[in-house]
Amino acid sequence: MRESIDIRISSSLASIDADAWDQLVGEDDPFVEHAFLSLLEESGSVGRGSGWEPTHVTAWRGKRLVGALPLYLKTHSYGEYIFDWGWADAASRLGLSYYPKLVSMVPVTPVTGRRFLFAADDNPAEIVKRLIDGCHEAAESTRASSIHLLFLNPEEHDWVARDGRLMNRLSFQFHWRNEGYGDFEDFVGNFRSSMRKKLRKERRVAAEAKLQIEELRGDQLGMDDWLALERLYRATCGRKGSYPYLTPAFFELAPSRLDGSPLVFTAKDEGRIVAASINFAKGGHLYGRYWGATRRHDMLHFELCYYRLIEHAIDHHMRRFEAGAQGTHKLRRGLMPVPIHSAHWIRNPVLQEAVADFLPREAFSVQQQIRELRHHGPFRRAGDESLRPNRASG
């Protein structure tokens, strides 16, 4: 008979053995590895003063770690991209405190992936149930107003729905999926003629800048490279008026903490980095994260943030590329709208009822948006110049 599962709440990943944690992590998710999450903590990108306080839920059979859920106590709603500002406003009008709340996601990293981590030889349904129990225990101990599990993968969405204690919310992002393309031209060959011409023109314009473009994995990046990336990141945040969540220490520690999962495309002018995209790759998945440039070069953003990454994904037989939150401009470049699932629990019954009434109507609107956007994607539709079947239409 198996030992029962005990739940513990941890305020730091430093207290959890890295190998034990990483044995729970899947093959395709670099962001829930111990190294990445602990780097956020060690660098001060999360923790005291950031509004993201680590409150990780862990599940144990005796002395063995069998499950985990990265969880943060938050005092704001920034950096999530599953927007609940309206809920916070409604709470205020009811005379309720919406913060603190509990959020499970990789901080300021709006990508789908594993939230429920578990041992391969254990029962996922049992682990998920106990981890949700742990979320509620954390909510009681912190007096959090609510629990939010964001960017769940489809399998996790099904587990949470069967558990029944959290409400499902639907949103969408733009993802690229590999339909078995032989090369980049094979991918572009599925575009309508007008869209192919626009894409090829964008690539020509980017090439005319005559910059040296390099692809570098994390273990090829030195300290000088990371410091150059930090300057680009901070400049982009300043230009957009967004808060720079990643501290300088994140970039200083990255060379010694992160292995080969970072994937960086740099554009150099006479050996100096003038633009770059910072991405992460693991298994069959590729994730675009940060972009920066010292000056404007026409179409270079699309080249380094989309086209080079799609080429990389095809060449390495990767299944999916996620380019981050928002951005309908991604549609014409072959990234199609896909549903994104999150799950929510709210302590106050009046606010909980209001949100429960809102979510189905919101989901219906999101489904309509997805259908409309897919119709306007760049791929050939039935009846178009159909030299080949449209393999990437959904």
Protein backbone atom coordinates (compact mmCIF):
# COMPACT_ATOMS: atom_id res chain seq x y z
CA MET A 1 0.00 0.00 0.00
CA ARG A 2 1.36 3.41 -1.00
CA GLU A 3 2.08 6.07 1.58
CA SER A 4 -0.40 8.93 1.75
CA ILE A 5 0.49 12.27 0.16
CA ASP A 6 1.53 15.12 2.44
CA ILE A 7 1.32 18.72 1.25
CA ARG A 8 3.95 21.32 2.12
CA ILE A 9 4.21 25.00 1.18
CA SER A 10 7.66 26.34 0.34
CA SER A 11 8.70 30.00 0.20
CA SER A 12 11.87 29.22 -1.76
CA LEU A 13 13.04 26.67 -4.30
CA ALA A 14 16.43 26.72 -2.58
CA SER A 15 14.91 24.45 0.08
CA ILE A 16 14.03 21.78 -2.54
CA ASP A 17 16.59 19.50 -4.13
CA ALA A 18 17.05 20.47 -7.80
CA ASP A 19 17.32 16.89 -9.09
CA ALA A 20 14.19 15.81 -7.20
CA TRP A 21 12.26 18.78 -8.64
CA ASP A 22 13.50 18.27 -12.21
CA GLN A 23 12.47 14.62 -12.19
CA LEU A 24 8.89 15.92 -12.14
CA VAL A 25 9.34 18.23 -15.13
CA GLY A 26 8.22 17.18 -18.60
CA GLU A 27 10.29 16.99 -21.76
CA ASP A 28 9.07 20.22 -23.39
CA ASP A 29 8.97 22.89 -20.70
CA PRO A 30 12.19 24.80 -19.86
CA PHE A 31 10.48 27.37 -17.63
CA VAL A 32 9.45 25.10 -14.76
CA GLU A 33 12.90 23.60 -14.39
CA HIS A 34 14.49 24.26 -11.02
CA ALA A 35 17.29 26.31 -12.65
CA PHE A 36 14.98 28.85 -14.31
CA LEU A 37 12.56 29.31 -11.41
CA SER A 38 15.34 29.50 -8.81
CA LEU A 39 17.21 32.02 -11.00
CA LEU A 40 14.16 34.29 -10.83
CA GLU A 41 14.24 33.98 -7.03
CA GLU A 42 18.00 34.28 -6.59
CA SER A 43 18.21 37.34 -8.85
CA GLY A 44 15.40 39.14 -7.02
CA SER A 45 13.20 39.17 -10.13
CA VAL A 46 10.56 37.59 -7.88
CA GLY A 47 10.33 37.75 -4.11
CA ARG A 48 10.28 40.61 -1.65
CA GLY A 49 9.16 43.89 -3.22
CA SER A 50 8.29 42.39 -6.61
CA GLY A 51 4.67 41.48 -5.93
CA TRP A 52 5.49 37.82 -6.72
CA GLU A 53 6.11 35.97 -3.44
CA PRO A 54 7.01 32.27 -3.92
CA THR A 55 4.41 30.04 -2.22
CA HIS A 56 5.12 26.76 -3.98
CA VAL A 57 2.93 23.73 -3.28
CA THR A 58 4.77 20.41 -3.02
CA ALA A 59 3.45 16.86 -2.56
CA TRP A 60 5.43 14.19 -0.71
CA ARG A 61 5.19 10.47 -0.09
CA GLY A 62 7.34 10.17 2.98
CA LYS A 63 10.68 11.77 2.08
CA ARG A 64 10.10 11.54 -1.69
CA LEU A 65 8.92 14.53 -3.70
CA VAL A 66 6.14 13.28 -6.02
CA GLY A 67 4.39 16.48 -7.08
CA ALA A 68 4.77 20.24 -7.24
CA LEU A 69 2.96 23.34 -8.43
CA PRO A 70 4.82 26.67 -8.81
CA LEU A 71 2.66 29.20 -6.98
CA TYR A 72 3.04 32.89 -6.13
CA LEU A 73 1.27 35.21 -3.72
CA LYS A 74 0.61 38.39 -5.69
CA THR A 75 -0.20 41.93 -4.66
CA HIS A 76 -1.02 43.14 -8.20
CA SER A 77 -2.14 41.73 -11.56
CA TYR A 78 0.80 42.82 -13.71
CA GLY A 79 2.76 40.38 -15.85
CA GLU A 80 0.03 37.74 -16.14
CA TYR A 81 -1.66 38.39 -19.52
CA ILE A 82 -4.85 36.62 -18.40
CA PHE A 83 -6.46 39.88 -17.44
CA ASP A 84 -8.55 40.16 -14.28
CA TRP A 85 -8.47 43.91 -13.71
CA GLY A 86 -12.26 43.97 -14.09
CA TRP A 87 -12.60 41.38 -11.34
CA ALA A 88 -10.38 43.46 -9.06
CA ASP A 89 -12.51 46.52 -9.80
CA ALA A 90 -15.70 44.59 -9.05
CA ALA A 91 -14.20 43.43 -5.75
CA SER A 92 -13.40 47.04 -4.85
CA ARG A 93 -16.98 48.10 -5.59
CA LEU A 94 -18.17 45.32 -3.28
CA GLY A 95 -15.86 46.61 -0.56
CA LEU A 96 -13.57 43.56 -0.85
CA SER A 97 -9.80 43.27 -0.93
CA TYR A 98 -8.79 41.47 -4.14
CA TYR A 99 -5.11 41.33 -3.18
CA PRO A 100 -3.26 39.30 -2.20
CA LYS A 101 -4.22 36.51 -4.57
CA LEU A 102 -2.50 33.24 -5.55
CA VAL A 103 -1.27 32.71 -9.12
CA SER A 104 0.30 29.62 -10.68
CA MET A 105 2.33 30.43 -13.77
CA VAL A 106 5.94 31.15 -14.62
CA PRO A 107 6.30 34.80 -13.56
CA VAL A 108 5.92 37.29 -16.42
CA THR A 109 6.13 34.39 -18.88
CA PRO A 110 2.80 33.96 -20.69
CA VAL A 111 3.41 30.52 -22.16
CA THR A 112 1.44 27.30 -21.91
CA GLY A 113 3.07 24.41 -20.12
CA ARG A 114 3.04 22.15 -17.13
CA ARG A 115 1.74 23.65 -13.93
CA PHE A 116 1.09 20.33 -12.19
CA LEU A 117 4.43 18.54 -11.93
CA PHE A 118 4.41 14.90 -10.91
CA ALA A 119 6.51 11.75 -10.89
CA ALA A 120 6.15 9.61 -14.02
CA ASP A 121 5.28 6.50 -11.99
CA ASP A 122 2.57 8.15 -9.90
CA ASN A 123 -1.16 8.69 -10.42
CA PRO A 124 -1.64 12.13 -12.05
CA ALA A 125 -5.28 12.48 -10.99
CA GLU A 126 -4.40 11.89 -7.34
CA ILE A 127 -1.44 14.29 -7.46
CA VAL A 128 -3.50 17.00 -9.17
CA LYS A 129 -6.24 16.69 -6.54
CA ARG A 130 -3.77 16.98 -3.68
CA LEU A 131 -1.98 19.94 -5.29
CA ILE A 132 -5.32 21.73 -5.64
CA ASP A 133 -5.90 20.89 -1.97
CA GLY A 134 -2.55 22.56 -1.33
CA CYS A 135 -3.63 25.69 -3.22
CA HIS A 136 -6.64 25.98 -0.96
CA GLU A 137 -4.49 25.43 2.13
CA ALA A 138 -2.20 28.22 0.93
CA ALA A 139 -5.22 30.46 0.31
CA GLU A 140 -6.38 29.89 3.89
CA SER A 141 -2.97 30.52 5.45
CA THR A 142 -2.38 33.72 3.43
CA ARG A 143 -6.04 34.85 3.37
CA ALA A 144 -5.76 35.16 -0.39
CA SER A 145 -8.92 36.30 -2.15
CA SER A 146 -8.59 33.86 -5.03
CA ILE A 147 -6.60 31.17 -6.85
CA HIS A 148 -5.61 31.47 -10.53
CA LEU A 149 -3.97 28.63 -12.49
CA LEU A 150 -2.88 30.21 -15.77
CA PHE A 151 -1.82 28.85 -19.18
CA LEU A 152 -2.75 25.24 -18.43
CA ASN A 153 -2.04 22.66 -21.10
CA PRO A 154 -5.12 20.80 -22.45
CA GLU A 155 -4.52 17.70 -20.34
CA GLU A 156 -4.26 19.78 -17.17
CA HIS A 157 -7.43 21.64 -18.14
CA ASP A 158 -9.26 18.30 -18.28
CA TRP A 159 -7.93 17.24 -14.87
CA VAL A 160 -8.97 20.51 -13.26
CA ALA A 161 -12.40 20.36 -14.90
CA ARG A 162 -12.94 16.85 -13.51
CA ASP A 163 -11.88 18.04 -10.05
CA GLY A 164 -14.65 20.64 -10.26
CA ARG A 165 -13.46 23.17 -7.68
CA LEU A 166 -12.20 25.83 -10.09
CA MET A 167 -13.94 27.70 -12.91
CA ASN A 168 -12.58 27.44 -16.44
CA ARG A 169 -11.70 30.57 -18.40
CA LEU A 170 -10.99 30.67 -22.13
CA SER A 171 -8.66 33.08 -23.96
CA PHE A 172 -6.37 32.70 -26.97
CA GLN A 173 -2.84 33.18 -28.25
CA PHE A 174 -1.09 32.79 -31.59
CA HIS A 175 1.00 29.62 -31.96
CA TRP A 176 2.82 27.97 -34.86
CA ARG A 177 2.42 24.24 -35.31
CA ASN A 178 4.62 22.02 -37.40
CA GLU A 179 2.56 20.15 -39.97
CA GLY A 180 5.52 18.06 -41.13
CA TYR A 181 7.20 20.76 -43.22
CA GLY A 182 10.39 19.79 -45.02
CA ASP A 183 11.84 23.30 -44.88
CA PHE A 184 10.78 26.94 -44.59
CA GLU A 185 9.79 27.16 -48.27
CA ASP A 186 7.54 24.15 -47.77
CA PHE A 187 5.81 26.07 -44.96
CA VAL A 188 5.47 29.26 -47.02
CA GLY A 189 4.20 27.22 -49.97
CA ASN A 190 0.93 26.80 -48.06
CA PHE A 191 0.33 30.56 -48.01
CA ARG A 192 -1.95 32.34 -50.44
CA SER A 193 0.03 33.98 -53.23
CA SER A 194 -0.37 37.54 -51.94
CA MET A 195 0.74 36.54 -48.44
CA ARG A 196 3.76 34.64 -49.75
CA LYS A 197 4.89 37.73 -51.63
CA LYS A 198 4.55 39.93 -48.54
CA LEU A 199 6.50 37.49 -46.37
CA ARG A 200 9.32 37.13 -48.91
CA LYS A 201 9.50 40.91 -49.28
CA GLU A 202 9.84 41.31 -45.51
CA ARG A 203 12.73 38.84 -45.48
CA ARG A 204 14.43 40.63 -48.38
CA VAL A 205 14.14 43.99 -46.61
CA ALA A 206 15.63 42.52 -43.42
CA ALA A 207 18.51 41.02 -45.41
CA GLU A 208 19.26 44.37 -47.06
CA ALA A 209 20.40 45.74 -43.70
CA LYS A 210 23.47 43.53 -44.25
CA LEU A 211 23.77 42.63 -40.59
CA GLN A 212 25.43 39.41 -39.47
CA ILE A 213 22.77 37.16 -37.95
CA GLU A 214 23.91 34.46 -35.54
CA GLU A 215 22.08 31.69 -33.71
CA LEU A 216 23.48 30.95 -30.25
CA ARG A 217 22.45 28.43 -27.60
CA GLY A 218 22.73 29.28 -23.93
CA ASP A 219 26.00 27.42 -23.42
CA GLN A 220 27.53 29.50 -26.26
CA LEU A 221 26.66 32.82 -24.63
CA GLY A 222 29.33 34.50 -22.53
CA MET A 223 28.96 37.14 -19.86
CA ASP A 224 29.48 39.98 -22.37
CA ASP A 225 26.66 38.55 -24.52
CA TRP A 226 24.26 38.37 -21.55
CA LEU A 227 25.10 41.93 -20.50
CA ALA A 228 24.43 43.14 -24.05
CA LEU A 229 21.08 41.32 -23.96
CA GLU A 230 20.29 42.97 -20.63
CA ARG A 231 20.88 46.42 -22.15
CA LEU A 232 18.55 45.60 -25.05
CA TYR A 233 15.89 44.23 -22.68
CA ARG A 234 16.00 47.33 -20.49
CA ALA A 235 15.92 49.68 -23.47
CA THR A 236 12.84 47.92 -24.86
CA CYS A 237 11.06 48.15 -21.50
CA GLY A 238 11.87 51.85 -21.34
CA ARG A 239 10.64 52.48 -24.88
CA LYS A 240 7.36 50.63 -24.26
CA GLY A 241 6.84 52.02 -20.78
CA SER A 242 6.75 48.53 -19.26
CA TYR A 243 8.30 47.54 -15.97
CA PRO A 244 11.63 45.63 -16.26
CA TYR A 245 10.81 42.60 -14.09
CA LEU A 246 14.10 40.86 -14.82
CA THR A 247 16.78 42.45 -12.64
CA PRO A 248 20.38 43.03 -13.76
CA ALA A 249 21.33 40.11 -11.52
CA PHE A 250 19.21 37.78 -13.67
CA PHE A 251 21.46 38.43 -16.66
CA GLU A 252 24.64 38.35 -14.57
CA LEU A 253 23.75 34.94 -13.08
CA ALA A 254 22.28 33.43 -16.26
CA PRO A 255 25.59 32.15 -17.73
CA SER A 256 26.25 30.00 -14.65
CA ARG A 257 22.63 28.98 -13.98
CA LEU A 258 21.05 28.24 -17.36
CA ASP A 259 22.23 25.47 -19.67
CA GLY A 260 21.41 25.12 -23.36
CA SER A 261 17.71 26.03 -23.16
CA PRO A 262 18.16 29.71 -24.11
CA LEU A 263 18.18 30.22 -27.89
CA VAL A 264 19.27 33.68 -28.98
CA PHE A 265 19.26 35.18 -32.48
CA THR A 266 21.54 38.20 -32.66
CA ALA A 267 22.09 40.75 -35.41
CA LYS A 268 25.57 42.25 -35.35
CA ASP A 269 27.03 45.30 -37.03
CA GLU A 270 30.83 45.09 -37.20
CA GLY A 271 30.82 42.55 -34.39
CA ARG A 272 28.54 44.52 -32.05
CA ILE A 273 25.08 43.23 -31.13
CA VAL A 274 22.50 45.76 -32.37
CA ALA A 275 19.38 43.60 -32.09
CA ALA A 276 18.43 40.24 -30.61
CA SER A 277 15.56 37.94 -29.74
CA ILE A 278 15.84 35.86 -26.55
CA ASN A 279 14.01 32.56 -26.79
CA PHE A 280 13.94 29.20 -25.02
CA ALA A 281 13.81 25.70 -26.48
CA LYS A 282 13.33 22.28 -24.98
CA GLY A 283 12.17 19.01 -26.50
CA GLY A 284 9.58 19.70 -29.16
CA HIS A 285 8.66 23.23 -28.06
CA LEU A 286 10.13 26.65 -28.82
CA TYR A 287 9.19 29.83 -26.97
CA GLY A 288 9.83 33.42 -28.03
CA ARG A 289 10.34 35.74 -25.07
CA TYR A 290 12.22 39.04 -25.43
CA TRP A 291 13.24 41.40 -28.23
CA GLY A 292 15.47 44.44 -28.27
CA ALA A 293 17.30 46.69 -30.76
CA THR A 294 19.57 49.72 -30.47
CA ARG A 295 17.97 51.32 -33.52
CA ARG A 296 15.23 50.58 -36.02
CA HIS A 297 15.92 48.22 -38.92
CA ASP A 298 12.92 47.59 -41.15
CA MET A 299 11.49 44.08 -40.80
CA LEU A 300 14.32 42.88 -38.56
CA HIS A 301 11.91 42.22 -35.70
CA PHE A 302 9.90 39.82 -37.86
CA GLU A 303 13.08 38.12 -39.08
CA LEU A 304 14.57 37.49 -35.63
CA CYS A 305 11.35 36.91 -33.67
CA TYR A 306 9.35 34.80 -36.16
CA TYR A 307 10.97 33.65 -39.38
CA ARG A 308 14.30 32.48 -37.96
CA LEU A 309 12.48 30.68 -35.17
CA ILE A 310 10.08 28.93 -37.52
CA GLU A 311 13.07 27.86 -39.62
CA HIS A 312 14.78 26.54 -36.49
CA ALA A 313 11.66 24.65 -35.44
CA ILE A 314 11.33 23.02 -38.88
CA ASP A 315 15.03 22.14 -39.11
CA HIS A 316 14.97 20.54 -35.65
CA HIS A 317 11.60 18.80 -36.10
CA MET A 318 10.00 20.75 -33.27
CA ARG A 319 6.24 20.56 -32.88
CA ARG A 320 5.26 24.01 -31.66
CA PHE A 321 6.47 27.59 -31.47
CA GLU A 322 4.83 30.10 -29.12
CA ALA A 323 5.68 33.74 -29.73
CA GLY A 324 4.25 35.25 -26.55
CA ALA A 325 1.04 37.02 -25.66
CA GLN A 326 -1.20 39.16 -27.87
CA GLY A 327 -0.36 40.49 -31.32
CA THR A 328 -2.70 39.93 -34.28
CA HIS A 329 0.26 40.83 -36.54
CA LYS A 330 1.47 37.27 -35.88
CA LEU A 331 -1.47 35.90 -37.88
CA ARG A 332 -0.20 36.91 -41.32
CA ARG A 333 3.15 35.30 -40.50
CA GLY A 334 1.67 31.86 -39.98
CA LEU A 335 0.94 31.79 -36.25
CA MET A 336 -2.69 30.80 -35.78
CA PRO A 337 -5.09 31.47 -32.88
CA VAL A 338 -5.41 28.61 -30.38
CA PRO A 339 -7.50 28.39 -27.19
CA ILE A 340 -5.75 29.02 -23.88
CA HIS A 341 -7.20 27.63 -20.66
CA SER A 342 -6.97 28.95 -17.12
CA ALA A 343 -8.80 27.99 -13.94
CA HIS A 344 -10.01 30.19 -11.08
CA TRP A 345 -11.46 30.06 -7.59
CA ILE A 346 -12.77 33.13 -5.73
CA ARG A 347 -13.38 33.18 -2.00
CA ASN A 348 -16.26 35.66 -1.85
CA PRO A 349 -19.50 33.97 -2.98
CA VAL A 350 -21.00 37.13 -4.50
CA LEU A 351 -17.93 37.83 -6.65
CA GLN A 352 -17.58 34.13 -7.43
CA GLU A 353 -21.18 34.03 -8.72
CA ALA A 354 -20.68 37.15 -10.84
CA VAL A 355 -17.52 35.73 -12.44
CA ALA A 356 -19.19 32.35 -12.98
CA ASP A 357 -21.99 34.12 -14.86
CA PHE A 358 -19.50 36.10 -16.97
CA LEU A 359 -17.14 33.29 -18.02
CA PRO A 360 -19.45 31.33 -20.40
CA ARG A 361 -20.36 34.52 -22.25
CA GLU A 362 -16.71 35.48 -22.52
CA ALA A 363 -15.84 31.98 -23.77
CA PHE A 364 -18.48 32.21 -26.50
CA SER A 365 -17.00 35.52 -27.66
CA VAL A 366 -13.46 34.08 -27.63
CA GLN A 367 -14.56 31.10 -29.72
CA GLN A 368 -16.11 33.47 -32.25
CA GLN A 369 -12.89 35.50 -32.39
CA ILE A 370 -10.80 32.38 -32.96
CA ARG A 371 -13.03 31.27 -35.83
CA GLU A 372 -12.94 34.71 -37.45
CA LEU A 373 -9.18 35.06 -37.09
CA ARG A 374 -8.55 31.59 -38.52
CA HIS A 375 -10.61 32.56 -41.55
CA HIS A 376 -8.29 35.54 -42.13
CA GLY A 377 -5.07 33.56 -41.72
CA PRO A 378 -2.45 33.48 -44.50
CA PHE A 379 -2.99 29.87 -45.55
CA ARG A 380 -4.83 28.85 -48.70
CA ARG A 381 -8.49 28.09 -48.27
CA ALA A 382 -10.59 25.58 -50.16
CA GLY A 383 -10.90 26.72 -53.77
CA ASP A 384 -7.70 28.79 -53.67
CA GLU A 385 -4.71 27.96 -55.93
CA SER A 386 -4.72 24.47 -54.44
CA LEU A 387 -1.55 22.94 -55.78
CA ARG A 388 -1.15 21.20 -52.42
CA PRO A 389 -3.53 20.60 -49.52
CA ASN A 390 -3.57 23.24 -46.82
CA ARG A 391 -1.94 21.26 -44.04
CA ALA A 392 -1.62 24.14 -41.60
CA SER A 393 -5.12 25.53 -41.50
CA GLY A 394 -5.91 24.64 -37.91
